[in-house]
């Protein structure tokens, strides 16, 4: 099925959960990534139960701390 991940159209297997998608996409340190699907932020405790659907728009967001 086709999805859009960080503005790039990709084909992924059907029936993936968000946890599985993070593995398929080789996301490093997935525990530090925030995920937005179709404009809605997904809670990390819901990653394992969130199914990816055809034509979902997914953003992996990495927040970095820092300062001067």
PDB file of N, CA and C in Angstrom:
ATOM      1  N   UNK A   1       0.848  -1.179   0.000  1.00  0.00           N
ATOM      2  CA  UNK A   1       0.000   0.000   0.000  1.00  0.00           C
ATOM      3  C   UNK A   1       0.888   1.235   0.000  1.00  0.00           C
ATOM      4  N   UNK A   2       0.355   2.332  -0.452  1.00  0.00           N
ATOM      5  CA  UNK A   2       1.119   3.570  -0.545  1.00  0.00           C
ATOM      6  C   UNK A   2       0.813   4.488   0.632  1.00  0.00           C
ATOM      7  N   UNK A   3       1.875   5.069   1.175  1.00  0.00           N
ATOM      8  CA  UNK A   3       1.778   6.068   2.230  1.00  0.00           C
ATOM      9  C   UNK A   3       2.777   7.181   1.907  1.00  0.00           C
ATOM     10  N   UNK A   4       2.619   8.289   2.575  1.00  0.00           N
ATOM     11  CA  UNK A   4       3.576   9.389   2.439  1.00  0.00           C
ATOM     12  C   UNK A   4       4.291   9.532   3.774  1.00  0.00           C
ATOM     13  N   UNK A   5       5.607   9.360   3.737  1.00  0.00           N
ATOM     14  CA  UNK A   5       6.415   9.468   4.949  1.00  0.00           C
ATOM     15  C   UNK A   5       7.394  10.618   4.762  1.00  0.00           C
ATOM     16  N   UNK A   6       7.261  11.632   5.613  1.00  0.00           N
ATOM     17  CA  UNK A   6       8.124  12.822   5.528  1.00  0.00           C
ATOM     18  C   UNK A   6       8.210  13.341   4.103  1.00  0.00           C
ATOM     19  N   UNK A   7       7.038  13.515   3.493  1.00  0.00           N
ATOM     20  CA  UNK A   7       6.884  14.107   2.161  1.00  0.00           C
ATOM     21  C   UNK A   7       7.314  13.206   1.009  1.00  0.00           C
ATOM     22  N   UNK A   8       7.619  11.933   1.275  1.00  0.00           N
ATOM     23  CA  UNK A   8       8.044  11.011   0.228  1.00  0.00           C
ATOM     24  C   UNK A   8       7.055   9.847   0.137  1.00  0.00           C
ATOM     25  N   UNK A   9       6.531   9.590  -1.069  1.00  0.00           N
ATOM     26  CA  UNK A   9       5.615   8.474  -1.266  1.00  0.00           C
ATOM     27  C   UNK A   9       6.392   7.170  -1.215  1.00  0.00           C
ATOM     28  N   UNK A  10       5.880   6.241  -0.395  1.00  0.00           N
ATOM     29  CA  UNK A  10       6.539   4.942  -0.238  1.00  0.00           C
ATOM     30  C   UNK A  10       5.486   3.841  -0.282  1.00  0.00           C
ATOM     31  N   UNK A  11       5.933   2.653  -0.674  1.00  0.00           N
ATOM     32  CA  UNK A  11       5.082   1.475  -0.644  1.00  0.00           C
ATOM     33  C   UNK A  11       5.519   0.617   0.533  1.00  0.00           C
ATOM     34  N   UNK A  12       4.558   0.292   1.397  1.00  0.00           N
ATOM     35  CA  UNK A  12       4.835  -0.532   2.572  1.00  0.00           C
ATOM     36  C   UNK A  12       3.837  -1.685   2.602  1.00  0.00           C
ATOM     37  N   UNK A  13       4.175  -2.766   3.312  1.00  0.00           N
ATOM     38  CA  UNK A  13       3.239  -3.892   3.404  1.00  0.00           C
ATOM     39  C   UNK A  13       1.953  -3.494   4.140  1.00  0.00           C
ATOM     40  N   UNK A  14       0.852  -4.133   3.782  1.00  0.00           N
ATOM     41  CA  UNK A  14      -0.412  -3.877   4.472  1.00  0.00           C
ATOM     42  C   UNK A  14      -0.386  -4.485   5.863  1.00  0.00           C
ATOM     43  N   UNK A  15      -1.182  -3.911   6.759  1.00  0.00           N
ATOM     44  CA  UNK A  15      -1.336  -4.455   8.097  1.00  0.00           C
ATOM     45  C   UNK A  15      -0.245  -4.078   9.077  1.00  0.00           C
ATOM     46  N   UNK A  16       0.598  -3.103   8.724  1.00  0.00           N
ATOM     47  CA  UNK A  16       1.672  -2.683   9.628  1.00  0.00           C
ATOM     48  C   UNK A  16       1.127  -1.842  10.769  1.00  0.00           C
ATOM     49  N   UNK A  17       1.695  -2.070  11.957  1.00  0.00           N
ATOM     50  CA  UNK A  17       1.448  -1.144  13.055  1.00  0.00           C
ATOM     51  C   UNK A  17       2.510  -0.050  12.968  1.00  0.00           C
ATOM     52  N   UNK A  18       2.328   0.987  13.728  1.00  0.00           N
ATOM     53  CA  UNK A  18       3.303   2.070  13.740  1.00  0.00           C
ATOM     54  C   UNK A  18       4.654   1.572  14.243  1.00  0.00           C
ATOM     55  N   UNK A  19       4.670   0.689  15.243  1.00  0.00           N
ATOM     56  CA  UNK A  19       5.926   0.127  15.742  1.00  0.00           C
ATOM     57  C   UNK A  19       6.654  -0.608  14.610  1.00  0.00           C
ATOM     58  N   UNK A  20       5.920  -1.403  13.847  1.00  0.00           N
ATOM     59  CA  UNK A  20       6.519  -2.147  12.738  1.00  0.00           C
ATOM     60  C   UNK A  20       7.015  -1.210  11.647  1.00  0.00           C
ATOM     61  N   UNK A  21       6.273  -0.135  11.375  1.00  0.00           N
ATOM     62  CA  UNK A  21       6.707   0.836  10.372  1.00  0.00           C
ATOM     63  C   UNK A  21       8.022   1.487  10.777  1.00  0.00           C
ATOM     64  N   UNK A  22       8.162   1.813  12.049  1.00  0.00           N
ATOM     65  CA  UNK A  22       9.415   2.400  12.524  1.00  0.00           C
ATOM     66  C   UNK A  22      10.583   1.453  12.264  1.00  0.00           C
ATOM     67  N   UNK A  23      10.358   0.152  12.432  1.00  0.00           N
ATOM     68  CA  UNK A  23      11.406  -0.837  12.151  1.00  0.00           C
ATOM     69  C   UNK A  23      11.684  -0.927  10.658  1.00  0.00           C
ATOM     70  N   UNK A  24      10.621  -0.999   9.847  1.00  0.00           N
ATOM     71  CA  UNK A  24      10.766  -1.095   8.388  1.00  0.00           C
ATOM     72  C   UNK A  24      11.545   0.103   7.854  1.00  0.00           C
ATOM     73  N   UNK A  25      11.292   1.271   8.423  1.00  0.00           N
ATOM     74  CA  UNK A  25      11.950   2.500   7.977  1.00  0.00           C
ATOM     75  C   UNK A  25      13.304   2.717   8.638  1.00  0.00           C
ATOM     76  N   UNK A  26      13.756   1.752   9.430  1.00  0.00           N
ATOM     77  CA  UNK A  26      15.058   1.828  10.097  1.00  0.00           C
ATOM     78  C   UNK A  26      15.239   3.114  10.897  1.00  0.00           C
ATOM     79  N   UNK A  27      14.195   3.487  11.622  1.00  0.00           N
ATOM     80  CA  UNK A  27      14.267   4.692  12.444  1.00  0.00           C
ATOM     81  C   UNK A  27      15.171   4.409  13.642  1.00  0.00           C
ATOM     82  N   UNK A  28      16.222   5.192  13.757  1.00  0.00           N
ATOM     83  CA  UNK A  28      17.129   5.049  14.891  1.00  0.00           C
ATOM     84  C   UNK A  28      16.499   5.672  16.130  1.00  0.00           C
ATOM     85  N   UNK A  29      16.690   5.025  17.243  1.00  0.00           N
ATOM     86  CA  UNK A  29      16.171   5.486  18.532  1.00  0.00           C
ATOM     87  C   UNK A  29      14.677   5.857  18.441  1.00  0.00           C
ATOM     88  N   UNK A  30      13.816   4.897  18.071  1.00  0.00           N
ATOM     89  CA  UNK A  30      12.393   5.199  17.895  1.00  0.00           C
ATOM     90  C   UNK A  30      11.719   5.740  19.157  1.00  0.00           C
ATOM     91  N   UNK A  31      12.320   5.474  20.312  1.00  0.00           N
ATOM     92  CA  UNK A  31      11.734   5.989  21.551  1.00  0.00           C
ATOM     93  C   UNK A  31      11.859   7.499  21.672  1.00  0.00           C
ATOM     94  N   UNK A  32      12.670   8.122  20.819  1.00  0.00           N
ATOM     95  CA  UNK A  32      12.845   9.577  20.864  1.00  0.00           C
ATOM     96  C   UNK A  32      12.119  10.290  19.725  1.00  0.00           C
ATOM     97  N   UNK A  33      11.369   9.537  18.922  1.00  0.00           N
ATOM     98  CA  UNK A  33      10.698  10.105  17.753  1.00  0.00           C
ATOM     99  C   UNK A  33       9.231  10.354  18.076  1.00  0.00           C
ATOM    100  N   UNK A  34       8.741  11.532  17.715  1.00  0.00           N
ATOM    101  CA  UNK A  34       7.311  11.808  17.771  1.00  0.00           C
ATOM    102  C   UNK A  34       6.750  11.542  16.386  1.00  0.00           C
ATOM    103  N   UNK A  35       5.536  10.991  16.341  1.00  0.00           N
ATOM    104  CA  UNK A  35       4.945  10.633  15.062  1.00  0.00           C
ATOM    105  C   UNK A  35       3.597  11.314  14.920  1.00  0.00           C
ATOM    106  N   UNK A  36       3.395  11.863  13.738  1.00  0.00           N
ATOM    107  CA  UNK A  36       2.135  12.499  13.386  1.00  0.00           C
ATOM    108  C   UNK A  36       1.564  11.746  12.183  1.00  0.00           C
ATOM    109  N   UNK A  37       0.319  11.313  12.287  1.00  0.00           N
ATOM    110  CA  UNK A  37      -0.356  10.646  11.183  1.00  0.00           C
ATOM    111  C   UNK A  37      -1.579  11.474  10.815  1.00  0.00           C
ATOM    112  N   UNK A  38      -1.621  11.902   9.561  1.00  0.00           N
ATOM    113  CA  UNK A  38      -2.728  12.716   9.057  1.00  0.00           C
ATOM    114  C   UNK A  38      -3.016  13.918   9.952  1.00  0.00           C
ATOM    115  N   UNK A  39      -1.940  14.540  10.428  1.00  0.00           N
ATOM    116  CA  UNK A  39      -2.065  15.765  11.211  1.00  0.00           C
ATOM    117  C   UNK A  39      -2.320  15.555  12.693  1.00  0.00           C
ATOM    118  N   UNK A  40      -2.363  14.303  13.152  1.00  0.00           N
ATOM    119  CA  UNK A  40      -2.647  14.011  14.559  1.00  0.00           C
ATOM    120  C   UNK A  40      -1.423  13.344  15.191  1.00  0.00           C
ATOM    121  N   UNK A  41      -0.963  13.894  16.317  1.00  0.00           N
ATOM    122  CA  UNK A  41       0.142  13.267  17.031  1.00  0.00           C
ATOM    123  C   UNK A  41      -0.351  11.987  17.697  1.00  0.00           C
ATOM    124  N   UNK A  42       0.459  10.935  17.601  1.00  0.00           N
ATOM    125  CA  UNK A  42       0.136   9.648  18.181  1.00  0.00           C
ATOM    126  C   UNK A  42       0.946   9.478  19.474  1.00  0.00           C
ATOM    127  N   UNK A  43       0.272   9.094  20.545  1.00  0.00           N
ATOM    128  CA  UNK A  43       0.970   8.859  21.809  1.00  0.00           C
ATOM    129  C   UNK A  43       1.840   7.623  21.674  1.00  0.00           C
ATOM    130  N   UNK A  44       3.006   7.635  22.291  1.00  0.00           N
ATOM    131  CA  UNK A  44       3.914   6.500  22.177  1.00  0.00           C
ATOM    132  C   UNK A  44       3.307   5.213  22.714  1.00  0.00           C
ATOM    133  N   UNK A  45       2.457   5.299  23.702  1.00  0.00           N
ATOM    134  CA  UNK A  45       1.844   4.069  24.225  1.00  0.00           C
ATOM    135  C   UNK A  45       0.797   3.491  23.269  1.00  0.00           C
ATOM    136  N   UNK A  46       0.501   4.216  22.187  1.00  0.00           N
ATOM    137  CA  UNK A  46      -0.453   3.734  21.179  1.00  0.00           C
ATOM    138  C   UNK A  46       0.244   3.249  19.905  1.00  0.00           C
ATOM    139  N   UNK A  47       1.564   3.346  19.830  1.00  0.00           N
ATOM    140  CA  UNK A  47       2.284   2.949  18.611  1.00  0.00           C
ATOM    141  C   UNK A  47       2.005   1.493  18.233  1.00  0.00           C
ATOM    142  N   UNK A  48       1.978   0.594  19.208  1.00  0.00           N
ATOM    143  CA  UNK A  48       1.808  -0.833  18.919  1.00  0.00           C
ATOM    144  C   UNK A  48       0.406  -1.168  18.429  1.00  0.00           C
ATOM    145  N   UNK A  49      -0.571  -0.338  18.748  1.00  0.00           N
ATOM    146  CA  UNK A  49      -1.951  -0.622  18.347  1.00  0.00           C
ATOM    147  C   UNK A  49      -2.441   0.256  17.196  1.00  0.00           C
ATOM    148  N   UNK A  50      -1.595   1.148  16.709  1.00  0.00           N
ATOM    149  CA  UNK A  50      -1.981   2.038  15.611  1.00  0.00           C
ATOM    150  C   UNK A  50      -1.641   1.384  14.283  1.00  0.00           C
ATOM    151  N   UNK A  51      -2.670   1.091  13.489  1.00  0.00           N
ATOM    152  CA  UNK A  51      -2.470   0.486  12.175  1.00  0.00           C
ATOM    153  C   UNK A  51      -2.282   1.562  11.116  1.00  0.00           C
ATOM    154  N   UNK A  52      -1.326   1.339  10.249  1.00  0.00           N
ATOM    155  CA  UNK A  52      -1.081   2.251   9.130  1.00  0.00           C
ATOM    156  C   UNK A  52      -2.079   1.916   8.028  1.00  0.00           C
ATOM    157  N   UNK A  53      -2.667   2.950   7.447  1.00  0.00           N
ATOM    158  CA  UNK A  53      -3.692   2.788   6.418  1.00  0.00           C
ATOM    159  C   UNK A  53      -3.206   3.325   5.074  1.00  0.00           C
ATOM    160  N   UNK A  54      -3.803   2.829   4.004  1.00  0.00           N
ATOM    161  CA  UNK A  54      -3.518   3.314   2.654  1.00  0.00           C
ATOM    162  C   UNK A  54      -3.648   4.838   2.621  1.00  0.00           C
ATOM    163  N   UNK A  55      -2.683   5.495   1.998  1.00  0.00           N
ATOM    164  CA  UNK A  55      -2.664   6.948   1.787  1.00  0.00           C
ATOM    165  C   UNK A  55      -2.481   7.777   3.061  1.00  0.00           C
ATOM    166  N   UNK A  56      -2.074   7.146   4.171  1.00  0.00           N
ATOM    167  CA  UNK A  56      -1.760   7.935   5.366  1.00  0.00           C
ATOM    168  C   UNK A  56      -0.592   8.865   5.066  1.00  0.00           C
ATOM    169  N   UNK A  57      -0.628  10.043   5.665  1.00  0.00           N
ATOM    170  CA  UNK A  57       0.498  10.975   5.622  1.00  0.00           C
ATOM    171  C   UNK A  57       1.141  10.948   6.998  1.00  0.00           C
ATOM    172  N   UNK A  58       2.396  10.516   7.021  1.00  0.00           N
ATOM    173  CA  UNK A  58       3.099  10.260   8.275  1.00  0.00           C
ATOM    174  C   UNK A  58       4.332  11.150   8.352  1.00  0.00           C
ATOM    175  N   UNK A  59       4.529  11.751   9.512  1.00  0.00           N
ATOM    176  CA  UNK A  59       5.733  12.540   9.750  1.00  0.00           C
ATOM    177  C   UNK A  59       6.448  12.000  10.981  1.00  0.00           C
ATOM    178  N   UNK A  60       7.738  11.723  10.827  1.00  0.00           N
ATOM    179  CA  UNK A  60       8.596  11.374  11.951  1.00  0.00           C
ATOM    180  C   UNK A  60       9.277  12.675  12.368  1.00  0.00           C
ATOM    181  N   UNK A  61       9.094  13.069  13.605  1.00  0.00           N
ATOM    182  CA  UNK A  61       9.613  14.345  14.087  1.00  0.00           C
ATOM    183  C   UNK A  61      10.641  14.102  15.172  1.00  0.00           C
ATOM    184  N   UNK A  62      11.791  14.707  14.995  1.00  0.00           N
ATOM    185  CA  UNK A  62      12.902  14.565  15.941  1.00  0.00           C
ATOM    186  C   UNK A  62      13.108  15.896  16.622  1.00  0.00           C
ATOM    187  N   UNK A  63      12.924  15.927  17.922  1.00  0.00           N
ATOM    188  CA  UNK A  63      13.125  17.160  18.676  1.00  0.00           C
ATOM    189  C   UNK A  63      14.481  17.105  19.345  1.00  0.00           C
ATOM    190  N   UNK A  64      15.204  18.189  19.210  1.00  0.00           N
ATOM    191  CA  UNK A  64      16.550  18.237  19.779  1.00  0.00           C
ATOM    192  C   UNK A  64      16.624  19.365  20.796  1.00  0.00           C
ATOM    193  N   UNK A  65      17.218  19.038  21.897  1.00  0.00           N
ATOM    194  CA  UNK A  65      17.447  20.056  22.905  1.00  0.00           C
ATOM    195  C   UNK A  65      18.786  20.730  22.670  1.00  0.00           C
ATOM    196  N   UNK A  66      18.971  21.790  23.333  1.00  0.00           N
ATOM    197  CA  UNK A  66      20.241  22.475  23.190  1.00  0.00           C
ATOM    198  C   UNK A  66      20.123  23.905  23.676  1.00  0.00           C
ATOM    199  N   UNK A  67      21.123  24.609  23.470  1.00  0.00           N
ATOM    200  CA  UNK A  67      21.107  26.006  23.888  1.00  0.00           C
ATOM    201  C   UNK A  67      22.527  26.517  23.962  1.00  0.00           C
ATOM    202  N   UNK A  68      22.601  27.775  24.220  1.00  0.00           N
ATOM    203  CA  UNK A  68      23.913  28.382  24.275  1.00  0.00           C
ATOM    204  C   UNK A  68      24.205  28.848  25.677  1.00  0.00           C
TER     205      UNK A  68
END
